[in-house]
Amino acid sequence: MQLSKILAEIDVEISRLEQARDLLSGESDGSTKSTRKSKATVEVGSDGLKKKKKRNLSPEGRKRIAEAVKRRWALQKEAGK
């Protein structure tokens, strides 16, 4: 492989990584498709880092998830026999 081709591929990869970083940090320049934003709000902690606000689950939601997991386990147990 030629050195110039290797350098060009590295530059392309760097560009892709920078775009991914911008998307993850929310600093998009608008040239890409807009993505859905999380419903969780972002807060800045005392250390200066962004922290997501904790999302609470209702007791009904917790019960639905527990029942779904139990059904899944039962299906897996039956499939194993």
N, C-alpha and C. Protein backbone atom coordinates (compact mmCIF):
# COMPACT_ATOMS: atom_id res chain seq x y z
N MET A 1 0.84 -1.18 0.00
CA MET A 1 0.00 0.00 0.00
C MET A 1 0.89 1.25 0.00
N GLN A 2 0.47 2.24 -0.75
CA GLN A 2 1.25 3.47 -0.81
C GLN A 2 1.00 4.31 0.44
N LEU A 3 2.00 5.05 0.79
CA LEU A 3 1.92 5.90 1.98
C LEU A 3 0.79 6.92 1.86
N SER A 4 0.62 7.52 0.69
CA SER A 4 -0.43 8.53 0.51
C SER A 4 -1.81 7.92 0.67
N LYS A 5 -1.98 6.69 0.21
CA LYS A 5 -3.28 6.02 0.35
C LYS A 5 -3.57 5.71 1.81
N ILE A 6 -2.56 5.28 2.54
CA ILE A 6 -2.71 5.00 3.97
C ILE A 6 -3.09 6.27 4.72
N LEU A 7 -2.40 7.37 4.41
CA LEU A 7 -2.70 8.64 5.06
C LEU A 7 -4.11 9.12 4.73
N ALA A 8 -4.55 8.91 3.50
CA ALA A 8 -5.90 9.31 3.10
C ALA A 8 -6.94 8.50 3.88
N GLU A 9 -6.70 7.20 4.05
CA GLU A 9 -7.63 6.37 4.81
C GLU A 9 -7.67 6.77 6.28
N ILE A 10 -6.53 7.14 6.82
CA ILE A 10 -6.47 7.61 8.21
C ILE A 10 -7.27 8.90 8.35
N ASP A 11 -7.13 9.82 7.38
CA ASP A 11 -7.88 11.08 7.42
C ASP A 11 -9.38 10.83 7.36
N VAL A 12 -9.81 9.87 6.53
CA VAL A 12 -11.23 9.53 6.43
C VAL A 12 -11.72 8.98 7.77
N GLU A 13 -10.94 8.11 8.38
CA GLU A 13 -11.32 7.52 9.67
C GLU A 13 -11.40 8.59 10.76
N ILE A 14 -10.45 9.51 10.77
CA ILE A 14 -10.47 10.61 11.74
C ILE A 14 -11.73 11.45 11.56
N SER A 15 -12.09 11.72 10.32
CA SER A 15 -13.30 12.49 10.04
C SER A 15 -14.54 11.78 10.56
N ARG A 16 -14.61 10.46 10.33
CA ARG A 16 -15.76 9.67 10.83
C ARG A 16 -15.82 9.71 12.34
N LEU A 17 -14.68 9.57 13.00
CA LEU A 17 -14.65 9.58 14.46
C LEU A 17 -15.05 10.94 15.02
N GLU A 18 -14.62 12.02 14.35
CA GLU A 18 -15.01 13.36 14.80
C GLU A 18 -16.51 13.56 14.65
N GLN A 19 -17.10 13.06 13.55
CA GLN A 19 -18.54 13.17 13.37
C GLN A 19 -19.28 12.40 14.45
N ALA A 20 -18.80 11.20 14.76
CA ALA A 20 -19.43 10.39 15.80
C ALA A 20 -19.34 11.09 17.15
N ARG A 21 -18.19 11.69 17.43
CA ARG A 21 -18.01 12.40 18.70
C ARG A 21 -18.96 13.58 18.79
N ASP A 22 -19.09 14.33 17.70
CA ASP A 22 -20.00 15.48 17.69
C ASP A 22 -21.44 15.04 17.90
N LEU A 23 -21.83 13.94 17.26
CA LEU A 23 -23.19 13.45 17.45
C LEU A 23 -23.44 13.02 18.88
N LEU A 24 -22.47 12.34 19.47
CA LEU A 24 -22.64 11.87 20.85
C LEU A 24 -22.64 13.01 21.85
N SER A 25 -21.87 14.05 21.58
CA SER A 25 -21.81 15.16 22.51
C SER A 25 -22.88 16.20 22.23
N GLY A 26 -23.62 16.06 21.12
CA GLY A 26 -24.68 16.99 20.80
C GLY A 26 -24.19 18.25 20.12
N GLU A 27 -23.01 18.24 19.56
CA GLU A 27 -22.45 19.41 18.91
C GLU A 27 -22.47 19.26 17.39
N SER A 28 -23.61 18.87 16.86
CA SER A 28 -23.73 18.65 15.42
C SER A 28 -23.74 19.99 14.70
N ASP A 29 -23.13 20.02 13.51
CA ASP A 29 -23.07 21.28 12.75
C ASP A 29 -24.28 21.43 11.85
N GLY A 30 -25.23 20.51 11.89
CA GLY A 30 -26.44 20.61 11.11
C GLY A 30 -26.32 19.99 9.73
N SER A 31 -25.15 19.53 9.34
CA SER A 31 -24.98 18.95 8.02
C SER A 31 -25.50 17.52 7.96
N THR A 32 -25.71 16.90 9.10
CA THR A 32 -26.22 15.54 9.11
C THR A 32 -27.67 15.54 9.55
N LYS A 33 -28.29 14.41 9.39
CA LYS A 33 -29.68 14.26 9.78
C LYS A 33 -29.82 14.44 11.29
N SER A 34 -30.86 15.12 11.72
CA SER A 34 -31.04 15.31 13.16
C SER A 34 -31.49 14.00 13.78
N THR A 35 -31.07 13.77 15.00
CA THR A 35 -31.41 12.54 15.70
C THR A 35 -32.38 12.85 16.82
N ARG A 36 -33.05 11.81 17.31
CA ARG A 36 -33.96 11.99 18.43
C ARG A 36 -33.15 12.28 19.68
N LYS A 37 -33.65 13.18 20.49
CA LYS A 37 -32.97 13.49 21.73
C LYS A 37 -33.59 12.68 22.86
N SER A 38 -32.78 12.34 23.82
CA SER A 38 -33.24 11.58 24.97
C SER A 38 -34.20 12.42 25.79
N LYS A 39 -35.19 11.76 26.39
CA LYS A 39 -36.13 12.46 27.25
C LYS A 39 -35.50 12.85 28.59
N ALA A 40 -34.42 12.17 28.92
CA ALA A 40 -33.74 12.47 30.18
C ALA A 40 -33.00 13.80 30.03
N THR A 41 -33.10 14.63 31.01
CA THR A 41 -32.41 15.92 30.95
C THR A 41 -30.98 15.75 31.41
N VAL A 42 -30.14 16.64 30.94
CA VAL A 42 -28.73 16.58 31.28
C VAL A 42 -28.43 17.69 32.28
N GLU A 43 -27.76 17.34 33.36
CA GLU A 43 -27.37 18.30 34.37
C GLU A 43 -25.85 18.30 34.48
N VAL A 44 -25.31 19.41 34.95
CA VAL A 44 -23.88 19.50 35.16
C VAL A 44 -23.62 19.34 36.65
N GLY A 45 -22.76 18.38 36.99
CA GLY A 45 -22.46 18.09 38.38
C GLY A 45 -21.42 19.04 38.94
N SER A 46 -21.08 18.86 40.19
CA SER A 46 -20.09 19.71 40.85
C SER A 46 -18.70 19.55 40.24
N ASP A 47 -18.46 18.39 39.61
CA ASP A 47 -17.16 18.16 38.99
C ASP A 47 -17.09 18.73 37.58
N GLY A 48 -18.19 19.33 37.10
CA GLY A 48 -18.20 19.96 35.78
C GLY A 48 -18.57 19.00 34.65
N LEU A 49 -18.81 17.73 34.98
CA LEU A 49 -19.17 16.77 33.96
C LEU A 49 -20.69 16.69 33.82
N LYS A 50 -21.14 16.36 32.61
CA LYS A 50 -22.57 16.24 32.38
C LYS A 50 -23.07 14.94 32.99
N LYS A 51 -24.21 15.02 33.66
CA LYS A 51 -24.83 13.85 34.26
C LYS A 51 -26.28 13.79 33.81
N LYS A 52 -26.76 12.61 33.45
CA LYS A 52 -28.15 12.45 33.08
C LYS A 52 -29.00 12.37 34.33
N LYS A 53 -30.16 12.98 34.26
CA LYS A 53 -31.09 12.94 35.37
C LYS A 53 -31.65 11.52 35.47
N LYS A 54 -31.76 11.00 36.67
CA LYS A 54 -32.24 9.65 36.89
C LYS A 54 -33.71 9.56 36.49
N ARG A 55 -34.03 8.50 35.76
CA ARG A 55 -35.41 8.29 35.35
C ARG A 55 -36.03 7.26 36.29
N ASN A 56 -37.21 7.56 36.81
CA ASN A 56 -37.88 6.67 37.75
C ASN A 56 -38.93 5.84 37.03
N LEU A 57 -39.06 4.60 37.44
CA LEU A 57 -40.02 3.68 36.86
C LEU A 57 -41.21 3.57 37.80
N SER A 58 -42.40 3.58 37.22
CA SER A 58 -43.60 3.45 38.06
C SER A 58 -43.72 2.00 38.54
N PRO A 59 -44.44 1.78 39.63
CA PRO A 59 -44.62 0.40 40.12
C PRO A 59 -45.29 -0.49 39.06
N GLU A 60 -46.21 0.07 38.27
CA GLU A 60 -46.87 -0.72 37.22
C GLU A 60 -45.86 -1.12 36.14
N GLY A 61 -45.01 -0.20 35.78
CA GLY A 61 -43.98 -0.49 34.77
C GLY A 61 -43.00 -1.54 35.27
N ARG A 62 -42.62 -1.43 36.52
CA ARG A 62 -41.72 -2.40 37.13
C ARG A 62 -42.35 -3.80 37.12
N LYS A 63 -43.66 -3.85 37.43
CA LYS A 63 -44.37 -5.12 37.46
C LYS A 63 -44.44 -5.73 36.06
N ARG A 64 -44.73 -4.91 35.04
CA ARG A 64 -44.79 -5.40 33.67
C ARG A 64 -43.45 -5.98 33.23
N ILE A 65 -42.37 -5.30 33.57
CA ILE A 65 -41.04 -5.78 33.20
C ILE A 65 -40.73 -7.09 33.90
N ALA A 66 -41.06 -7.19 35.20
CA ALA A 66 -40.81 -8.42 35.95
C ALA A 66 -41.58 -9.59 35.35
N GLU A 67 -42.85 -9.35 34.97
CA GLU A 67 -43.65 -10.43 34.38
C GLU A 67 -43.08 -10.85 33.03
N ALA A 68 -42.63 -9.90 32.23
CA ALA A 68 -42.05 -10.21 30.92
C ALA A 68 -40.77 -11.03 31.08
N VAL A 69 -39.96 -10.68 32.06
CA VAL A 69 -38.71 -11.43 32.29
C VAL A 69 -39.02 -12.84 32.74
N LYS A 70 -40.02 -13.00 33.60
CA LYS A 70 -40.40 -14.33 34.06
C LYS A 70 -40.90 -15.19 32.90
N ARG A 71 -41.71 -14.59 32.00
CA ARG A 71 -42.18 -15.33 30.82
C ARG A 71 -41.00 -15.73 29.94
N ARG A 72 -40.05 -14.84 29.78
CA ARG A 72 -38.86 -15.13 28.96
C ARG A 72 -38.06 -16.28 29.56
N TRP A 73 -37.86 -16.22 30.87
CA TRP A 73 -37.12 -17.29 31.54
C TRP A 73 -37.84 -18.63 31.38
N ALA A 74 -39.17 -18.61 31.50
CA ALA A 74 -39.94 -19.84 31.37
C ALA A 74 -39.79 -20.42 29.96
N LEU A 75 -39.84 -19.56 28.94
CA LEU A 75 -39.66 -20.03 27.56
C LEU A 75 -38.27 -20.60 27.34
N GLN A 76 -37.28 -19.96 27.93
CA GLN A 76 -35.91 -20.46 27.77
C GLN A 76 -35.73 -21.80 28.49
N LYS A 77 -36.37 -21.93 29.64
CA LYS A 77 -36.28 -23.17 30.40
C LYS A 77 -36.94 -24.32 29.63
N GLU A 78 -38.10 -24.03 29.01
CA GLU A 78 -38.79 -25.05 28.22
C GLU A 78 -37.97 -25.42 26.98
N ALA A 79 -37.34 -24.46 26.37
CA ALA A 79 -36.56 -24.71 25.16
C ALA A 79 -35.33 -25.54 25.48
N GLY A 80 -34.83 -25.44 26.69
CA GLY A 80 -33.66 -26.20 27.10
C GLY A 80 -33.93 -27.66 27.38
N LYS A 81 -35.19 -28.01 27.59
CA LYS A 81 -35.53 -29.40 27.93
C LYS A 81 -35.57 -30.28 26.72
